[in-house]
Structure formats: C-alpha cells, structure tokens
Amino acid sequence: MRKLATAVVAAGLFFGGMGVAVADSWRSAEDISTTGAHFEEVRYRWEPAGAKRGAFRFKGLLRDGSHNDGHNVYLEVRPHDYGWQRFKGVQKRTVPLEDTVHDGATRYTNSAEMRVCRDRGALRPNNCTPARVFKR
C-alpha cells in the first residue's frame, strides 16, 4: 500500500510538472505588419511570477519593409493597460528582438498588447497596426 501511494504521488508530481512546463513554453503568433514595417516569426511566453515577475516575454524579427522611404520602424508592447514600451528597429535592416514587459504593481502580468509602427517623422503621423492582445 505504501509503495502504491508513493507511485501515485510521484506520478502526480511528474504530470503536474509537465503542465507547468507546457504553460511556460514558447507559443507562436501571426506576423504583425503595416506599410513598411513587419514583426515576423513572433513568439511569446509568460514567465513564472516567482522568478521573473510573471512577465510577458516576446521575440521575433523587426523588419524595415520599405528601404527607400527613409523611415525607421519600431515595436511597441505594453502590459495590461500601462504605457507603451518602445523597441526601435534599424532602417533598411532586420533586427532580432527579445525582451520582457511586466506590470510592476502585480505579481502576474495577465495581458499584454503589441503593435508595430513606421516612424514617419514629426510632420506626418506614424502608421501603426491595431494592437494585438495576448492573454495568459
């Protein structure tokens, strides 16, 4: 009886650990694009609250799609409904990005939004994609 109980507890811990590993693994998302700016090979995951503040981690390739327009591109990400954090690209290049955003007021970041934009300077408005929402 004692061996059976030990086996059941060990199996529960094993399968419980598998569930946590799956929850924190990388997930794919659709590419985000607007005229002249692209965020491709988008992957994201939610970090554990105890180790990395429950942050939203993302990675992908930020690409300038219009080499001759003279405009830069950038990615904006925000946790919950806080302010946007900007991650700049480089003109005429593709830049790999990987970073985290989190809500400092809570232990878990439960939602995040992401959009990609083309910086058209001071006189014309930037063109950005609608915000894509990610939920935990």
Protein backbone atom coordinates (compact mmCIF):
# COMPACT_ATOMS: atom_id res chain seq x y z
CA MET A 1 0.00 0.00 0.00
CA ARG A 2 2.84 2.38 0.86
CA LYS A 3 4.55 1.71 -2.50
CA LEU A 4 1.31 2.37 -4.37
CA ALA A 5 0.83 5.70 -2.57
CA THR A 6 4.42 6.69 -3.34
CA ALA A 7 3.95 5.80 -7.01
CA VAL A 8 0.73 7.85 -7.22
CA VAL A 9 2.37 10.89 -5.60
CA ALA A 10 5.41 10.60 -7.90
CA ALA A 11 3.20 10.34 -10.98
CA GLY A 12 1.17 13.37 -9.85
CA LEU A 13 4.30 15.45 -9.37
CA PHE A 14 5.65 14.34 -12.74
CA PHE A 15 2.49 15.19 -14.69
CA GLY A 16 1.99 18.40 -12.70
CA GLY A 17 5.50 19.47 -13.67
CA MET A 18 4.74 18.71 -17.30
CA GLY A 19 1.72 21.02 -17.13
CA VAL A 20 3.83 23.86 -15.77
CA ALA A 21 6.45 23.31 -18.47
CA VAL A 22 3.81 23.44 -21.20
CA ALA A 23 2.27 26.59 -19.73
CA ASP A 24 5.62 28.41 -19.79
CA SER A 25 6.79 27.20 -23.21
CA TRP A 26 7.13 29.43 -26.27
CA ARG A 27 4.00 29.93 -28.37
CA SER A 28 3.81 31.16 -31.94
CA ALA A 29 1.67 34.06 -33.12
CA GLU A 30 0.84 35.50 -36.52
CA ASP A 31 3.18 38.06 -38.04
CA ILE A 32 2.26 41.72 -37.48
CA SER A 33 2.58 44.02 -40.50
CA THR A 34 1.77 47.51 -41.67
CA THR A 35 3.01 49.51 -44.65
CA GLY A 36 6.80 49.46 -44.44
CA ALA A 37 7.10 47.68 -41.05
CA HIS A 38 6.91 43.99 -40.16
CA PHE A 39 7.36 41.94 -36.98
CA GLU A 40 7.89 38.36 -38.12
CA GLU A 41 8.45 34.94 -36.54
CA VAL A 42 6.59 36.19 -33.46
CA ARG A 43 6.91 34.00 -30.38
CA TYR A 44 5.85 34.73 -26.82
CA ARG A 45 5.50 33.19 -23.38
CA TRP A 46 4.56 34.07 -19.81
CA GLU A 47 7.35 33.97 -17.25
CA PRO A 48 6.81 32.48 -13.77
CA ALA A 49 5.83 35.02 -11.12
CA GLY A 50 8.39 33.88 -8.56
CA ALA A 51 11.40 34.11 -10.85
CA LYS A 52 10.69 36.84 -13.40
CA ARG A 53 7.71 38.79 -12.04
CA GLY A 54 5.21 36.96 -14.25
CA ALA A 55 6.43 39.00 -17.21
CA PHE A 56 5.34 38.76 -20.85
CA ARG A 57 8.40 37.66 -22.89
CA PHE A 58 8.42 38.04 -26.67
CA LYS A 59 10.84 37.57 -29.53
CA GLY A 60 10.83 37.96 -33.29
CA LEU A 61 12.35 39.82 -36.21
CA LEU A 62 11.57 43.53 -36.69
CA ARG A 63 12.00 44.34 -40.38
CA ASP A 64 12.00 47.60 -42.34
CA GLY A 65 9.88 46.70 -45.36
CA SER A 66 10.41 49.90 -47.37
CA HIS A 67 14.13 50.51 -47.75
CA ASN A 68 13.78 53.66 -49.87
CA ASP A 69 11.28 55.63 -47.76
CA GLY A 70 13.84 56.91 -45.21
CA HIS A 71 11.67 55.97 -42.22
CA ASN A 72 12.53 53.86 -39.20
CA VAL A 73 10.35 51.14 -37.68
CA TYR A 74 9.61 50.24 -34.08
CA LEU A 75 7.65 47.77 -31.97
CA GLU A 76 5.51 48.86 -29.03
CA VAL A 77 4.48 46.49 -26.24
CA ARG A 78 2.59 47.20 -23.04
CA PRO A 79 1.48 45.09 -20.08
CA HIS A 80 -2.18 45.40 -19.05
CA ASP A 81 -3.19 48.97 -19.91
CA TYR A 82 0.00 50.71 -18.83
CA GLY A 83 2.17 52.86 -21.11
CA TRP A 84 3.72 51.58 -24.32
CA GLN A 85 7.35 50.48 -24.22
CA ARG A 86 9.16 51.14 -27.49
CA PHE A 87 11.72 48.83 -29.11
CA LYS A 88 13.43 50.52 -32.05
CA GLY A 89 14.45 48.92 -35.31
CA VAL A 90 17.09 49.99 -37.83
CA GLN A 91 16.45 51.49 -41.27
CA LYS A 92 16.95 49.08 -44.18
CA ARG A 93 17.64 46.16 -41.82
CA THR A 94 16.04 43.29 -39.96
CA VAL A 95 16.69 43.34 -36.22
CA PRO A 96 16.15 40.37 -33.86
CA LEU A 97 14.27 41.40 -30.70
CA GLU A 98 13.77 39.54 -27.45
CA ASP A 99 12.65 41.27 -24.27
CA THR A 100 10.15 41.23 -21.42
CA VAL A 101 7.49 43.64 -20.18
CA HIS A 102 5.70 43.37 -16.88
CA ASP A 103 3.33 45.18 -14.59
CA GLY A 104 5.27 46.25 -11.52
CA ALA A 105 2.10 46.65 -9.44
CA THR A 106 1.09 43.00 -9.66
CA ARG A 107 2.76 39.64 -9.31
CA TYR A 108 1.43 38.36 -12.66
CA THR A 109 1.07 40.16 -15.96
CA ASN A 110 -2.21 38.72 -17.22
CA SER A 111 -2.46 40.52 -20.54
CA ALA A 112 -0.21 42.35 -22.96
CA GLU A 113 -0.67 44.26 -26.20
CA MET A 114 1.71 44.58 -29.13
CA ARG A 115 1.80 46.72 -32.28
CA VAL A 116 4.35 47.53 -34.96
CA CYS A 117 4.74 51.04 -36.38
CA ARG A 118 6.58 53.01 -39.04
CA ASP A 119 8.04 56.27 -37.73
CA ARG A 120 7.22 58.87 -40.36
CA GLY A 121 8.77 61.86 -38.62
CA ALA A 122 7.35 64.88 -36.80
CA LEU A 123 5.09 66.30 -39.52
CA ARG A 124 3.20 63.15 -40.52
CA PRO A 125 1.53 60.68 -38.16
CA ASN A 126 3.10 57.26 -37.71
CA ASN A 127 1.20 54.36 -39.16
CA CYS A 128 0.71 51.55 -36.64
CA THR A 129 -1.15 48.28 -36.69
CA PRO A 130 -4.09 47.80 -34.37
CA ALA A 131 -2.93 46.44 -31.01
CA ARG A 132 -2.79 42.64 -30.85
CA VAL A 133 -3.89 41.36 -27.44
CA PHE A 134 -2.23 38.41 -25.69
CA LYS A 135 -3.88 36.81 -22.64
CA ARG A 136 -2.28 34.50 -20.09
